[in-house]
């Protein structure tokens, strides 16, 4: 079973939900949306909005080198912690080898 996620905006004028009628992209992390109020006969509001991907919460397993989205502080701390832990593991292995040679 596939999960479907939909971006939802409410009309700022009448409160009905708005549909994305079309969108344009210029960059991998940026998209312009053209929205229409679904209450088109009583309200009829239309607008353009922007969606920007601002922070990476989990790095991709297949990163695109042309995409440059900053890492969130949480990811940076986690990556730093993993690096320190891996360095600690390497030290433990080297220390164990030194002890084995004695």
N, C-alpha and C. Protein backbone atom coordinates (compact mmCIF):
# COMPACT_ATOMS: atom_id res chain seq x y z
N UNK A 1 0.84 -1.18 0.00
CA UNK A 1 0.00 0.00 0.00
C UNK A 1 0.89 1.24 0.00
N UNK A 2 0.64 2.15 -0.91
CA UNK A 2 1.47 3.33 -1.06
C UNK A 2 0.84 4.52 -0.34
N UNK A 3 1.67 5.23 0.41
CA UNK A 3 1.20 6.42 1.12
C UNK A 3 1.26 7.62 0.20
N UNK A 4 0.22 8.44 0.20
CA UNK A 4 0.16 9.63 -0.64
C UNK A 4 0.17 10.86 0.26
N UNK A 5 1.05 11.77 -0.03
CA UNK A 5 1.14 13.01 0.73
C UNK A 5 0.77 14.16 -0.19
N UNK A 6 -0.05 15.06 0.28
CA UNK A 6 -0.46 16.20 -0.53
C UNK A 6 -0.17 17.49 0.23
N UNK A 7 0.37 18.44 -0.50
CA UNK A 7 0.61 19.76 0.05
C UNK A 7 -0.73 20.48 0.13
N UNK A 8 -1.08 21.02 1.28
CA UNK A 8 -2.40 21.61 1.47
C UNK A 8 -2.28 23.08 1.88
N UNK A 9 -2.96 23.94 1.14
CA UNK A 9 -3.07 25.35 1.48
C UNK A 9 -4.54 25.69 1.59
N UNK A 10 -4.89 26.51 2.58
CA UNK A 10 -6.24 27.02 2.71
C UNK A 10 -6.27 28.43 2.12
N UNK A 11 -7.39 28.77 1.49
CA UNK A 11 -7.56 30.10 0.91
C UNK A 11 -7.52 31.14 2.03
N UNK A 12 -6.69 32.17 1.89
CA UNK A 12 -6.61 33.19 2.94
C UNK A 12 -7.87 34.06 3.02
N UNK A 13 -8.76 33.96 2.03
CA UNK A 13 -9.95 34.80 2.00
C UNK A 13 -11.20 34.08 2.50
N UNK A 14 -11.45 32.87 1.99
CA UNK A 14 -12.70 32.19 2.37
C UNK A 14 -12.46 30.92 3.21
N UNK A 15 -11.22 30.45 3.29
CA UNK A 15 -10.91 29.28 4.11
C UNK A 15 -11.06 27.95 3.38
N UNK A 16 -11.59 27.95 2.15
CA UNK A 16 -11.67 26.70 1.37
C UNK A 16 -10.26 26.25 1.03
N UNK A 17 -10.13 24.98 0.68
CA UNK A 17 -8.79 24.55 0.33
C UNK A 17 -8.47 24.98 -1.10
N UNK A 18 -7.18 25.10 -1.37
CA UNK A 18 -6.70 25.54 -2.67
C UNK A 18 -6.02 24.37 -3.36
N UNK A 19 -6.15 24.32 -4.68
CA UNK A 19 -5.49 23.28 -5.47
C UNK A 19 -4.31 23.88 -6.21
N UNK A 20 -3.25 23.10 -6.30
CA UNK A 20 -2.12 23.49 -7.14
C UNK A 20 -2.49 23.11 -8.56
N UNK A 21 -2.66 24.10 -9.41
CA UNK A 21 -3.06 23.85 -10.79
C UNK A 21 -1.86 23.53 -11.67
N UNK A 22 -0.74 24.19 -11.40
CA UNK A 22 0.48 23.93 -12.16
C UNK A 22 1.66 24.40 -11.31
N UNK A 23 2.83 23.99 -11.72
CA UNK A 23 4.04 24.45 -11.04
C UNK A 23 5.18 24.49 -12.03
N UNK A 24 6.16 25.33 -11.71
CA UNK A 24 7.36 25.46 -12.54
C UNK A 24 8.56 25.32 -11.63
N UNK A 25 9.60 24.72 -12.17
CA UNK A 25 10.82 24.59 -11.39
C UNK A 25 11.98 25.19 -12.16
N UNK A 26 12.83 25.88 -11.46
CA UNK A 26 14.02 26.48 -12.05
C UNK A 26 15.29 25.86 -11.47
N UNK A 27 15.19 25.40 -10.23
CA UNK A 27 16.31 24.78 -9.52
C UNK A 27 15.79 23.53 -8.82
N UNK A 28 16.65 22.56 -8.52
CA UNK A 28 16.17 21.34 -7.87
C UNK A 28 15.54 21.57 -6.50
N UNK A 29 15.93 22.66 -5.82
CA UNK A 29 15.40 22.91 -4.47
C UNK A 29 14.36 24.02 -4.42
N UNK A 30 13.82 24.44 -5.56
CA UNK A 30 12.89 25.57 -5.62
C UNK A 30 11.78 25.27 -6.62
N UNK A 31 10.54 25.63 -6.27
CA UNK A 31 9.41 25.42 -7.18
C UNK A 31 8.40 26.55 -6.99
N UNK A 32 7.88 27.06 -8.12
CA UNK A 32 6.79 28.05 -8.08
C UNK A 32 5.48 27.31 -8.30
N UNK A 33 4.49 27.61 -7.46
CA UNK A 33 3.19 26.97 -7.54
C UNK A 33 2.13 27.99 -7.95
N UNK A 34 1.20 27.56 -8.78
CA UNK A 34 0.05 28.39 -9.15
C UNK A 34 -1.17 27.73 -8.53
N UNK A 35 -1.83 28.45 -7.60
CA UNK A 35 -2.92 27.88 -6.83
C UNK A 35 -4.25 28.56 -7.15
N UNK A 36 -5.33 27.78 -7.09
CA UNK A 36 -6.68 28.29 -7.30
C UNK A 36 -7.55 27.85 -6.12
N UNK A 37 -8.37 28.76 -5.63
CA UNK A 37 -9.34 28.42 -4.59
C UNK A 37 -10.39 27.48 -5.18
N UNK A 38 -10.75 26.42 -4.45
CA UNK A 38 -11.76 25.47 -4.95
C UNK A 38 -13.17 26.04 -4.86
N UNK A 39 -13.34 27.12 -4.12
CA UNK A 39 -14.63 27.80 -4.02
C UNK A 39 -14.67 28.88 -5.10
N UNK A 40 -14.52 28.44 -6.37
CA UNK A 40 -14.27 29.41 -7.44
C UNK A 40 -15.44 30.33 -7.77
N UNK A 41 -16.69 29.93 -7.52
CA UNK A 41 -17.82 30.80 -7.87
C UNK A 41 -18.14 31.83 -6.78
N UNK A 42 -17.83 31.50 -5.52
CA UNK A 42 -18.10 32.46 -4.43
C UNK A 42 -16.85 33.24 -4.02
N UNK A 43 -15.67 32.71 -4.35
CA UNK A 43 -14.43 33.40 -3.97
C UNK A 43 -13.57 33.66 -5.21
N UNK A 44 -13.09 32.60 -5.85
CA UNK A 44 -12.33 32.75 -7.09
C UNK A 44 -10.89 33.20 -6.94
N UNK A 45 -10.36 33.19 -5.72
CA UNK A 45 -8.98 33.66 -5.51
C UNK A 45 -7.98 32.75 -6.19
N UNK A 46 -6.95 33.37 -6.80
CA UNK A 46 -5.84 32.67 -7.42
C UNK A 46 -4.55 33.36 -7.01
N UNK A 47 -3.50 32.57 -6.86
CA UNK A 47 -2.23 33.17 -6.45
C UNK A 47 -1.05 32.31 -6.90
N UNK A 48 0.11 32.86 -6.71
CA UNK A 48 1.36 32.16 -7.00
C UNK A 48 2.14 32.10 -5.69
N UNK A 49 2.74 30.97 -5.44
CA UNK A 49 3.54 30.81 -4.23
C UNK A 49 4.87 30.14 -4.56
N UNK A 50 5.72 30.05 -3.56
CA UNK A 50 7.05 29.45 -3.75
C UNK A 50 7.28 28.41 -2.66
N UNK A 51 7.90 27.33 -3.06
CA UNK A 51 8.32 26.31 -2.11
C UNK A 51 9.82 26.14 -2.26
N UNK A 52 10.53 26.22 -1.15
CA UNK A 52 11.97 26.08 -1.14
C UNK A 52 12.36 25.00 -0.14
N UNK A 53 13.24 24.11 -0.55
CA UNK A 53 13.78 23.12 0.37
C UNK A 53 14.92 23.81 1.11
N UNK A 54 14.81 23.93 2.44
CA UNK A 54 15.73 24.78 3.17
C UNK A 54 16.81 24.04 3.96
N UNK A 55 16.52 22.86 4.48
CA UNK A 55 17.51 22.13 5.28
C UNK A 55 17.40 20.63 5.04
N UNK A 56 18.53 19.96 5.04
CA UNK A 56 18.57 18.51 4.92
C UNK A 56 18.41 17.90 6.30
N UNK A 57 17.42 17.02 6.45
CA UNK A 57 17.19 16.34 7.72
C UNK A 57 17.80 14.94 7.73
N UNK A 58 17.93 14.34 6.55
CA UNK A 58 18.59 13.03 6.40
C UNK A 58 19.28 13.04 5.04
N UNK A 59 20.59 12.88 4.99
CA UNK A 59 21.29 12.92 3.71
C UNK A 59 20.83 11.80 2.77
N UNK A 60 20.90 12.06 1.48
CA UNK A 60 20.51 11.09 0.47
C UNK A 60 21.56 9.99 0.35
N UNK A 61 21.11 8.79 0.04
CA UNK A 61 22.04 7.70 -0.26
C UNK A 61 22.62 7.85 -1.66
N UNK A 62 21.96 8.66 -2.49
CA UNK A 62 22.41 8.92 -3.86
C UNK A 62 22.44 10.43 -4.10
N UNK A 63 23.35 11.17 -3.46
CA UNK A 63 23.34 12.64 -3.57
C UNK A 63 23.63 13.12 -4.99
N UNK A 64 22.93 14.18 -5.36
CA UNK A 64 23.13 14.85 -6.64
C UNK A 64 24.16 15.95 -6.40
N UNK A 65 25.31 15.93 -7.06
CA UNK A 65 26.35 16.94 -6.80
C UNK A 65 25.93 18.37 -7.13
N UNK A 66 24.90 18.54 -7.96
CA UNK A 66 24.47 19.90 -8.30
C UNK A 66 23.49 20.47 -7.28
N UNK A 67 23.06 19.67 -6.31
CA UNK A 67 22.13 20.14 -5.28
C UNK A 67 22.92 20.55 -4.05
N UNK A 68 22.67 21.77 -3.57
CA UNK A 68 23.39 22.28 -2.41
C UNK A 68 22.38 22.81 -1.39
N UNK A 69 21.83 21.90 -0.58
CA UNK A 69 20.89 22.28 0.47
C UNK A 69 21.62 22.09 1.80
N UNK A 70 21.64 23.13 2.63
CA UNK A 70 22.42 23.06 3.85
C UNK A 70 21.91 21.97 4.79
N UNK A 71 22.82 21.44 5.58
CA UNK A 71 22.48 20.42 6.57
C UNK A 71 21.89 21.10 7.80
N UNK A 72 20.89 20.48 8.39
CA UNK A 72 20.32 21.03 9.62
C UNK A 72 21.35 20.87 10.73
N UNK A 73 21.28 21.71 11.76
CA UNK A 73 22.22 21.59 12.88
C UNK A 73 22.19 20.20 13.52
N UNK A 74 21.02 19.58 13.57
CA UNK A 74 20.90 18.24 14.17
C UNK A 74 21.71 17.23 13.37
N UNK A 75 21.62 17.28 12.03
CA UNK A 75 22.37 16.36 11.17
C UNK A 75 23.87 16.60 11.34
N UNK A 76 24.26 17.86 11.41
CA UNK A 76 25.69 18.18 11.58
C UNK A 76 26.22 17.61 12.90
N UNK A 77 25.44 17.75 13.98
CA UNK A 77 25.87 17.19 15.27
C UNK A 77 25.98 15.67 15.19
N UNK A 78 24.97 15.05 14.55
CA UNK A 78 24.95 13.59 14.42
C UNK A 78 26.15 13.10 13.61
N UNK A 79 26.44 13.77 12.49
CA UNK A 79 27.58 13.38 11.66
C UNK A 79 28.89 13.57 12.42
N UNK A 80 29.02 14.67 13.16
CA UNK A 80 30.22 14.92 13.95
C UNK A 80 30.38 13.83 15.01
N UNK A 81 29.29 13.45 15.66
CA UNK A 81 29.32 12.40 16.68
C UNK A 81 29.75 11.07 16.05
N UNK A 82 29.22 10.75 14.87
CA UNK A 82 29.59 9.49 14.20
C UNK A 82 31.06 9.48 13.81
N UNK A 83 31.58 10.63 13.37
CA UNK A 83 33.00 10.72 13.02
C UNK A 83 33.85 10.47 14.26
N UNK A 84 33.49 11.11 15.37
CA UNK A 84 34.24 10.92 16.61
C UNK A 84 34.18 9.47 17.07
N UNK A 85 33.00 8.85 16.96
CA UNK A 85 32.87 7.45 17.36
C UNK A 85 33.71 6.55 16.47
N UNK A 86 33.73 6.81 15.15
CA UNK A 86 34.52 5.97 14.25
C UNK A 86 36.01 6.15 14.54
N UNK A 87 36.44 7.39 14.84
CA UNK A 87 37.84 7.61 15.21
C UNK A 87 38.18 6.86 16.49
N UNK A 88 37.24 6.84 17.44
CA UNK A 88 37.45 6.10 18.68
C UNK A 88 37.58 4.61 18.43
N UNK A 89 36.77 4.07 17.51
CA UNK A 89 36.83 2.65 17.17
C UNK A 89 38.18 2.32 16.53
N UNK A 90 38.66 3.21 15.66
CA UNK A 90 39.96 2.99 15.02
C UNK A 90 41.06 2.98 16.08
N UNK A 91 40.99 3.90 17.03
CA UNK A 91 41.99 3.94 18.11
C UNK A 91 41.96 2.65 18.92
N UNK A 92 40.74 2.16 19.21
CA UNK A 92 40.63 0.92 19.97
C UNK A 92 41.26 -0.25 19.21
N UNK A 93 41.05 -0.32 17.92
CA UNK A 93 41.63 -1.39 17.11
C UNK A 93 43.15 -1.30 17.09
N UNK A 94 43.67 -0.06 16.90
CA UNK A 94 45.12 0.14 16.88
C UNK A 94 45.72 -0.20 18.24
N UNK A 95 45.08 0.19 19.32
CA UNK A 95 45.57 -0.13 20.65
C UNK A 95 45.57 -1.63 20.88
N UNK A 96 44.52 -2.32 20.41
CA UNK A 96 44.45 -3.76 20.57
C UNK A 96 45.56 -4.45 19.78
N UNK A 97 45.88 -3.96 18.60
CA UNK A 97 46.97 -4.54 17.81
C UNK A 97 48.32 -4.34 18.49
N UNK A 98 48.50 -3.15 19.09
CA UNK A 98 49.75 -2.90 19.81
C UNK A 98 49.89 -3.85 20.98
N UNK A 99 48.81 -4.07 21.70
CA UNK A 99 48.82 -4.98 22.86
C UNK A 99 49.08 -6.42 22.41
N UNK A 100 48.55 -6.79 21.26
CA UNK A 100 48.73 -8.17 20.74
C UNK A 100 50.16 -8.42 20.34
N UNK A 101 50.87 -7.38 19.88
CA UNK A 101 52.26 -7.52 19.47
C UNK A 101 53.19 -7.69 20.65
N UNK A 102 52.81 -7.20 21.81
CA UNK A 102 53.67 -7.25 23.01
C UNK A 102 53.83 -8.62 23.54
